[in-house]
N, C-alpha and C. Protein backbone atom coordinates (compact mmCIF):
# COMPACT_ATOMS: atom_id res chain seq x y z
N MET A 1 -60.39 -33.45 152.75
CA MET A 1 -59.61 -32.51 151.33
C MET A 1 -59.17 -31.36 151.75
N ARG A 2 -58.57 -30.42 151.33
CA ARG A 2 -58.33 -29.11 151.34
C ARG A 2 -59.21 -28.00 151.61
N ASN A 3 -58.91 -26.95 152.15
CA ASN A 3 -59.71 -26.34 152.04
C ASN A 3 -59.30 -24.88 150.70
N LEU A 4 -60.25 -24.64 149.61
CA LEU A 4 -59.28 -24.27 148.56
C LEU A 4 -59.93 -22.54 148.73
N PHE A 5 -60.80 -22.41 149.53
CA PHE A 5 -60.97 -20.85 150.08
C PHE A 5 -60.65 -20.66 150.93
N LYS A 6 -59.26 -19.92 151.06
CA LYS A 6 -58.62 -19.58 152.31
C LYS A 6 -58.56 -18.07 151.87
N LYS A 7 -58.08 -17.23 153.03
CA LYS A 7 -57.90 -16.20 153.15
C LYS A 7 -56.79 -15.65 151.82
N LYS A 8 -57.27 -14.56 151.54
CA LYS A 8 -56.32 -13.76 150.29
C LYS A 8 -55.18 -13.83 150.84
N ASN A 9 -54.54 -13.34 152.26
CA ASN A 9 -53.18 -13.05 152.62
C ASN A 9 -52.74 -14.36 153.08
N SER A 10 -53.05 -15.09 153.09
CA SER A 10 -52.57 -16.60 152.88
C SER A 10 -51.49 -17.36 152.31
N PRO A 11 -50.40 -17.22 152.83
CA PRO A 11 -49.35 -17.99 151.71
C PRO A 11 -49.73 -18.98 150.99
N ASN A 12 -51.08 -20.12 151.18
CA ASN A 12 -51.18 -21.01 150.63
C ASN A 12 -52.65 -21.16 149.69
N THR A 13 -52.88 -19.55 149.48
CA THR A 13 -53.83 -19.26 148.31
C THR A 13 -53.58 -19.40 146.95
N ILE A 14 -54.79 -20.24 146.47
CA ILE A 14 -54.22 -20.52 145.16
C ILE A 14 -54.99 -19.35 144.23
N MET A 15 -54.38 -19.41 143.29
CA MET A 15 -54.58 -18.12 142.16
C MET A 15 -55.62 -18.54 141.49
N ALA A 16 -56.63 -18.33 141.17
CA ALA A 16 -57.64 -18.58 140.25
C ALA A 16 -57.69 -17.06 139.00
N GLU A 17 -56.94 -17.12 138.64
CA GLU A 17 -57.01 -15.50 137.36
C GLU A 17 -56.30 -16.22 136.33
N ILE A 18 -56.80 -16.04 135.09
CA ILE A 18 -55.96 -16.45 133.83
C ILE A 18 -55.28 -15.48 133.03
N ASN A 19 -54.21 -15.77 132.71
CA ASN A 19 -52.96 -14.87 132.39
C ASN A 19 -53.63 -14.71 130.98
N VAL A 20 -54.03 -13.48 130.56
CA VAL A 20 -54.17 -13.16 128.78
C VAL A 20 -53.72 -12.69 127.81
N THR A 21 -52.34 -12.35 128.50
CA THR A 21 -51.16 -11.98 127.82
C THR A 21 -50.99 -12.70 126.24
N PRO A 22 -50.81 -14.19 126.71
CA PRO A 22 -50.50 -14.71 125.03
C PRO A 22 -52.00 -15.02 124.64
N LEU A 23 -53.15 -14.93 125.05
CA LEU A 23 -54.53 -14.65 124.58
C LEU A 23 -54.26 -13.36 123.66
N VAL A 24 -53.88 -12.69 123.93
CA VAL A 24 -53.73 -10.91 123.47
C VAL A 24 -53.07 -11.41 122.12
N ASP A 25 -51.72 -11.64 122.48
CA ASP A 25 -50.64 -11.41 121.75
C ASP A 25 -51.25 -12.47 120.29
N ILE A 26 -51.95 -13.71 120.40
CA ILE A 26 -51.98 -14.42 119.20
C ILE A 26 -53.11 -13.64 118.67
N CYS A 27 -54.09 -12.74 118.84
CA CYS A 27 -55.40 -12.46 118.76
C CYS A 27 -54.33 -11.22 117.92
N LEU A 28 -53.64 -10.44 118.21
CA LEU A 28 -52.66 -9.16 117.65
C LEU A 28 -52.19 -9.76 116.18
N VAL A 29 -51.68 -11.18 116.33
CA VAL A 29 -50.87 -11.64 115.17
C VAL A 29 -51.99 -11.82 114.40
N LEU A 30 -52.95 -12.46 115.10
CA LEU A 30 -54.08 -12.60 113.53
C LEU A 30 -54.47 -11.49 112.89
N VAL A 31 -55.08 -10.28 113.82
CA VAL A 31 -55.28 -9.23 113.28
C VAL A 31 -54.40 -8.41 112.12
N ILE A 32 -53.42 -8.86 112.31
CA ILE A 32 -52.20 -8.25 111.55
C ILE A 32 -52.28 -9.36 110.03
N ILE A 33 -52.36 -10.57 110.07
CA ILE A 33 -52.62 -11.26 109.27
C ILE A 33 -53.53 -11.36 108.03
N PHE A 34 -54.56 -10.72 108.92
CA PHE A 34 -55.93 -10.40 108.26
C PHE A 34 -55.97 -9.16 107.49
N MET A 35 -55.14 -7.98 108.15
CA MET A 35 -54.98 -6.95 107.33
C MET A 35 -53.93 -6.90 106.06
N VAL A 36 -53.05 -7.98 105.92
CA VAL A 36 -51.90 -8.40 105.20
C VAL A 36 -53.04 -8.72 104.12
N THR A 37 -53.60 -9.73 104.55
CA THR A 37 -54.18 -10.81 103.21
C THR A 37 -55.40 -10.32 102.75
N THR A 38 -56.19 -9.18 103.45
CA THR A 38 -57.36 -8.74 102.48
C THR A 38 -56.57 -7.77 102.06
N ALA A 39 -55.51 -6.75 101.92
CA ALA A 39 -55.04 -5.85 100.95
C ALA A 39 -54.52 -6.69 99.78
N MET A 40 -54.14 -7.98 99.64
CA MET A 40 -54.16 -8.57 98.48
C MET A 40 -55.14 -8.82 97.57
N PHE A 41 -56.38 -9.24 98.54
CA PHE A 41 -57.49 -9.64 97.48
C PHE A 41 -58.18 -8.02 96.98
N LEU A 42 -58.01 -7.31 97.41
CA LEU A 42 -58.79 -5.75 96.54
C LEU A 42 -57.79 -5.49 95.49
N GLN A 43 -57.33 -6.61 94.55
CA GLN A 43 -56.60 -6.22 93.34
C GLN A 43 -57.38 -6.17 92.28
N PRO A 44 -57.27 -5.23 91.13
CA PRO A 44 -58.52 -5.65 90.15
C PRO A 44 -57.71 -6.90 89.47
N PRO A 45 -59.24 -7.63 88.74
CA PRO A 45 -58.68 -8.51 88.02
C PRO A 45 -57.92 -8.51 86.73
N PHE A 46 -57.70 -7.61 86.52
CA PHE A 46 -56.74 -7.32 85.62
C PHE A 46 -55.59 -5.98 85.71
N GLU A 47 -54.30 -6.36 84.85
CA GLU A 47 -53.32 -5.24 85.17
C GLU A 47 -53.85 -3.77 85.29
N VAL A 48 -53.71 -3.00 85.86
CA VAL A 48 -53.86 -1.72 85.37
C VAL A 48 -52.60 -0.65 85.79
N TRP A 49 -52.06 0.20 84.57
CA TRP A 49 -50.99 0.87 84.99
C TRP A 49 -51.65 2.60 85.62
N VAL A 50 -51.84 2.64 86.61
CA VAL A 50 -52.49 3.94 87.19
C VAL A 50 -50.88 5.22 87.01
N PRO A 51 -51.60 6.10 87.05
CA PRO A 51 -50.48 7.32 86.45
C PRO A 51 -50.11 7.35 87.74
N LYS A 52 -48.77 8.22 87.81
CA LYS A 52 -47.90 8.36 89.08
C LYS A 52 -47.75 10.25 89.61
N THR A 53 -47.90 10.14 90.56
CA THR A 53 -48.49 11.55 91.13
C THR A 53 -47.69 11.61 92.29
N MET A 54 -47.37 12.89 92.98
CA MET A 54 -46.93 13.22 94.28
C MET A 54 -47.52 12.57 95.42
N ALA A 55 -49.25 12.81 95.33
CA ALA A 55 -50.12 12.23 96.16
C ALA A 55 -50.74 10.76 96.17
N THR A 56 -51.07 9.91 96.74
CA THR A 56 -52.13 8.90 96.48
C THR A 56 -53.01 8.90 97.34
N ASP A 57 -53.95 7.95 96.93
CA ASP A 57 -55.08 7.93 97.49
C ASP A 57 -54.93 7.09 98.84
N GLN A 58 -55.45 7.49 99.83
CA GLN A 58 -55.75 7.13 101.25
C GLN A 58 -56.72 6.46 101.50
N GLY A 59 -56.59 5.13 102.30
CA GLY A 59 -57.51 4.88 102.93
C GLY A 59 -58.31 3.67 101.88
N ARG A 60 -58.84 2.79 102.54
CA ARG A 60 -59.55 1.72 101.63
C ARG A 60 -61.16 1.14 102.07
N GLU A 61 -60.87 1.68 103.63
CA GLU A 61 -62.39 1.03 104.09
C GLU A 61 -63.73 1.94 103.95
N GLY A 62 -64.88 1.07 102.94
CA GLY A 62 -65.98 1.70 102.70
C GLY A 62 -65.48 2.33 101.59
N ASN A 63 -64.84 2.32 100.63
CA ASN A 63 -64.64 3.08 99.60
C ASN A 63 -65.10 1.82 98.22
N LEU A 64 -65.62 2.17 97.06
CA LEU A 64 -66.10 1.04 96.26
C LEU A 64 -64.83 1.73 95.30
N PHE A 65 -63.91 0.62 94.42
CA PHE A 65 -62.90 1.02 93.56
C PHE A 65 -63.41 0.38 92.17
N VAL A 66 -63.58 1.31 91.28
CA VAL A 66 -63.62 0.86 89.62
C VAL A 66 -62.19 1.08 89.13
N ALA A 67 -61.76 -0.65 88.50
CA ALA A 67 -60.74 -0.15 87.70
C ALA A 67 -61.17 -0.59 85.86
N ILE A 68 -60.14 0.53 85.25
CA ILE A 68 -60.79 0.72 83.78
C ILE A 68 -59.25 0.15 83.27
N ALA A 69 -59.28 -1.04 82.51
CA ALA A 69 -58.25 -1.87 81.88
C ALA A 69 -57.97 -0.94 80.64
N SER A 70 -56.87 -0.94 80.06
CA SER A 70 -56.24 -0.44 78.84
C SER A 70 -57.23 -0.60 77.62
N ASP A 71 -58.09 -1.76 77.41
CA ASP A 71 -59.10 -1.99 76.54
C ASP A 71 -60.30 -1.90 76.89
N GLY A 72 -60.50 -1.16 78.01
CA GLY A 72 -61.79 -0.88 78.09
C GLY A 72 -62.44 -1.30 79.13
N ASN A 73 -62.29 -2.57 79.41
CA ASN A 73 -62.58 -3.65 80.37
C ASN A 73 -62.57 -3.05 81.93
N LEU A 74 -64.12 -3.01 82.74
CA LEU A 74 -64.48 -2.90 84.00
C LEU A 74 -64.12 -3.49 84.79
N ALA A 75 -64.25 -2.94 85.98
CA ALA A 75 -64.09 -4.13 87.49
C ALA A 75 -64.72 -3.20 88.78
N ILE A 76 -65.43 -3.93 89.32
CA ILE A 76 -65.81 -3.05 90.98
C ILE A 76 -65.38 -3.54 91.65
N ASN A 77 -64.47 -3.18 92.71
CA ASN A 77 -63.94 -4.03 93.61
C ASN A 77 -63.13 -5.04 92.78
N GLU A 78 -63.47 -6.68 93.24
CA GLU A 78 -62.24 -7.57 92.50
C GLU A 78 -63.58 -7.96 91.70
N ALA A 79 -64.51 -7.88 90.77
CA ALA A 79 -65.20 -8.41 90.23
C ALA A 79 -65.47 -7.50 88.86
N LYS A 80 -64.88 -8.54 87.84
CA LYS A 80 -65.52 -8.14 86.10
C LYS A 80 -66.41 -7.55 86.45
N VAL A 81 -67.01 -6.43 85.73
CA VAL A 81 -68.33 -6.22 84.80
C VAL A 81 -68.19 -5.86 83.35
N THR A 82 -69.64 -5.93 82.80
CA THR A 82 -69.72 -5.87 81.12
C THR A 82 -69.97 -4.07 81.47
N SER A 83 -69.44 -3.21 80.45
CA SER A 83 -70.18 -1.64 80.22
C SER A 83 -71.51 -1.69 80.46
N ARG A 84 -72.15 -3.08 79.58
CA ARG A 84 -73.67 -2.87 79.87
C ARG A 84 -74.40 -3.09 81.19
N ASP A 85 -73.83 -3.85 81.83
CA ASP A 85 -73.94 -3.91 83.54
C ASP A 85 -73.64 -2.83 84.70
N PHE A 86 -72.64 -2.57 84.04
CA PHE A 86 -71.68 -1.13 84.82
C PHE A 86 -72.74 -0.37 85.54
N PRO A 87 -73.56 0.48 85.13
CA PRO A 87 -74.70 1.32 85.78
C PRO A 87 -75.48 1.03 86.86
N GLU A 88 -76.10 -0.57 86.64
CA GLU A 88 -76.81 -0.96 87.45
C GLU A 88 -76.20 -1.40 88.40
N ILE A 89 -74.59 -2.05 88.37
CA ILE A 89 -73.96 -2.39 89.62
C ILE A 89 -73.32 -1.33 90.78
N ILE A 90 -73.08 -0.53 89.73
CA ILE A 90 -72.31 0.53 90.37
C ILE A 90 -73.53 1.23 91.27
N ALA A 91 -75.01 1.40 90.96
CA ALA A 91 -75.86 1.87 91.30
C ALA A 91 -75.85 1.13 92.76
N THR A 92 -76.44 -0.09 92.58
CA THR A 92 -76.70 -0.75 93.86
C THR A 92 -75.84 -0.81 95.16
N ARG A 93 -74.35 -0.84 94.71
CA ARG A 93 -73.17 -0.87 95.37
C ARG A 93 -72.92 0.39 95.93
N LEU A 94 -73.43 1.26 95.41
CA LEU A 94 -73.72 2.70 96.02
C LEU A 94 -74.73 2.82 97.34
N LEU A 95 -75.65 2.08 96.85
CA LEU A 95 -76.46 2.03 97.73
C LEU A 95 -76.19 1.74 99.14
N GLN A 96 -75.53 0.35 99.11
CA GLN A 96 -75.32 -0.44 99.77
C GLN A 96 -73.81 0.48 100.76
N SER A 97 -73.48 1.20 100.24
CA SER A 97 -72.02 1.67 100.83
C SER A 97 -72.27 3.18 101.82
N GLN A 98 -71.83 3.16 102.66
CA GLN A 98 -72.04 3.85 103.94
C GLN A 98 -71.09 4.86 103.50
N THR A 99 -69.93 5.25 102.58
CA THR A 99 -69.28 6.40 102.25
C THR A 99 -69.78 7.19 101.05
N LYS A 100 -70.25 6.42 100.26
CA LYS A 100 -70.33 6.87 98.80
C LYS A 100 -69.42 7.44 98.16
N ARG A 101 -68.49 7.08 98.64
CA ARG A 101 -67.11 7.20 98.20
C ARG A 101 -66.45 6.08 96.72
N VAL A 102 -65.92 6.95 95.75
CA VAL A 102 -65.47 5.39 94.56
C VAL A 102 -63.98 6.11 94.30
N ILE A 103 -63.25 5.38 93.95
CA ILE A 103 -61.96 5.73 93.98
C ILE A 103 -61.66 5.20 92.41
N ILE A 104 -61.58 5.78 91.12
CA ILE A 104 -61.32 5.25 90.10
C ILE A 104 -59.63 4.72 89.73
N ARG A 105 -59.41 3.89 89.03
CA ARG A 105 -58.05 3.62 89.18
C ARG A 105 -58.08 2.88 87.62
N ALA A 106 -57.66 4.16 86.52
CA ALA A 106 -57.81 3.64 84.92
C ALA A 106 -56.54 3.45 84.87
N ASP A 107 -56.27 2.56 83.80
CA ASP A 107 -54.74 2.24 83.49
C ASP A 107 -54.47 3.80 82.45
N ALA A 108 -53.42 4.03 82.52
CA ALA A 108 -52.72 5.53 81.89
C ALA A 108 -52.85 5.00 80.07
N ARG A 109 -53.07 3.93 79.54
CA ARG A 109 -53.07 4.10 78.32
C ARG A 109 -54.75 4.04 78.07
N VAL A 110 -55.46 4.24 78.85
CA VAL A 110 -56.82 3.72 78.67
C VAL A 110 -57.45 5.39 77.87
N LEU A 111 -58.47 5.17 77.10
CA LEU A 111 -58.94 6.28 76.11
C LEU A 111 -59.71 7.40 77.08
N SER A 112 -59.33 8.64 77.36
CA SER A 112 -60.06 9.61 77.95
C SER A 112 -61.53 9.56 78.13
N GLN A 113 -62.14 8.82 76.95
CA GLN A 113 -63.49 8.50 76.80
C GLN A 113 -64.30 7.74 77.42
N THR A 114 -63.31 6.84 77.37
CA THR A 114 -63.88 5.77 78.29
C THR A 114 -63.96 6.14 79.91
N VAL A 115 -63.06 6.77 80.29
CA VAL A 115 -62.95 7.32 81.97
C VAL A 115 -64.03 8.33 81.97
N LEU A 116 -64.65 9.01 80.95
CA LEU A 116 -65.35 10.21 81.07
C LEU A 116 -66.61 9.68 81.46
N GLN A 117 -66.72 8.43 80.29
CA GLN A 117 -68.05 7.74 80.68
C GLN A 117 -68.37 7.15 81.48
N ALA A 118 -67.25 6.37 82.63
CA ALA A 118 -67.50 5.51 83.53
C ALA A 118 -67.89 7.21 84.65
N LEU A 119 -67.00 8.10 84.80
CA LEU A 119 -67.59 9.23 85.50
C LEU A 119 -68.43 9.48 85.52
N ASP A 120 -69.45 9.85 84.63
CA ASP A 120 -70.57 10.12 84.39
C ASP A 120 -71.39 9.12 84.76
N THR A 121 -71.25 8.22 84.82
CA THR A 121 -72.10 6.68 84.91
C THR A 121 -72.07 6.79 86.96
N ILE A 122 -71.22 6.96 87.30
CA ILE A 122 -70.86 7.14 88.34
C ILE A 122 -71.58 7.97 89.56
N LYS A 123 -71.11 9.17 88.47
CA LYS A 123 -71.86 10.48 89.06
C LYS A 123 -73.58 10.29 89.29
N GLN A 124 -74.21 9.83 88.29
CA GLN A 124 -75.59 9.61 87.99
C GLN A 124 -75.93 8.47 89.16
N ALA A 125 -75.23 7.63 89.14
CA ALA A 125 -75.74 6.40 90.32
C ALA A 125 -75.72 7.28 91.66
N GLY A 126 -75.16 8.37 92.01
CA GLY A 126 -75.04 8.77 93.28
C GLY A 126 -74.31 8.98 94.28
N ALA A 127 -72.80 8.69 93.54
CA ALA A 127 -71.86 9.18 94.21
C ALA A 127 -71.20 10.43 95.00
N GLN A 128 -71.02 10.69 96.12
CA GLN A 128 -70.76 11.92 96.67
C GLN A 128 -69.54 12.32 96.58
N HIS A 129 -68.69 11.60 96.64
CA HIS A 129 -67.10 11.54 96.14
C HIS A 129 -66.22 10.90 95.20
N ILE A 130 -65.82 11.64 94.41
CA ILE A 130 -64.89 10.58 93.10
C ILE A 130 -63.57 11.27 93.57
N SER A 131 -62.51 10.27 93.23
CA SER A 131 -61.04 10.18 92.93
C SER A 131 -60.40 9.48 92.36
N PHE A 132 -59.41 9.83 91.85
CA PHE A 132 -58.68 8.92 90.92
C PHE A 132 -57.78 8.23 91.83
N GLY A 133 -57.34 7.24 91.48
CA GLY A 133 -55.89 6.40 92.37
C GLY A 133 -54.93 6.54 91.59
N THR A 134 -53.84 6.96 92.34
CA THR A 134 -52.29 6.54 91.40
C THR A 134 -51.73 6.04 92.24
N GLU A 135 -50.11 6.08 91.44
CA GLU A 135 -49.46 5.59 92.23
C GLU A 135 -48.19 6.77 92.82
N GLU A 136 -47.26 6.50 93.81
CA GLU A 136 -46.64 7.47 94.37
C GLU A 136 -45.25 7.76 93.24
N LYS A 137 -45.02 8.95 92.94
CA LYS A 137 -43.96 9.27 92.04
C LYS A 137 -42.55 9.28 93.17
N ARG A 138 -41.98 8.58 92.39
CA ARG A 138 -40.84 8.28 93.28
C ARG A 138 -39.33 8.99 92.52
N ASP A 139 -38.62 9.52 93.32
CA ASP A 139 -37.72 10.61 92.67
C ASP A 139 -36.30 9.76 92.21
């Protein structure tokens, strides 16, 4: 039987190292796939036409998204909620949130009274930062 434990400088030394480059490549590809697919799941359950502005909302991590449809339907992140259950659910989600940041994506055709009621409810629930989501205006 051959001696597997020879001196390092010997030309017949067995290399017992693992090449991690392919593993790292696969992991990076998986991270990119998860990033792309996660963004698709954060869409509201109904169509919302948000106003267009020069600046857009930045970042998604830790934020709560409140979508308001043109007919007044509400959604928190990807889940529809009734206007009766909205205060309780938003308060619970804000307690669980680390950033206490809410982004409101209201349809451009929704009544301002509906948006103001949601805004007031979100403030009372304890949100520290509230902003409005928009789409980037293209010239």
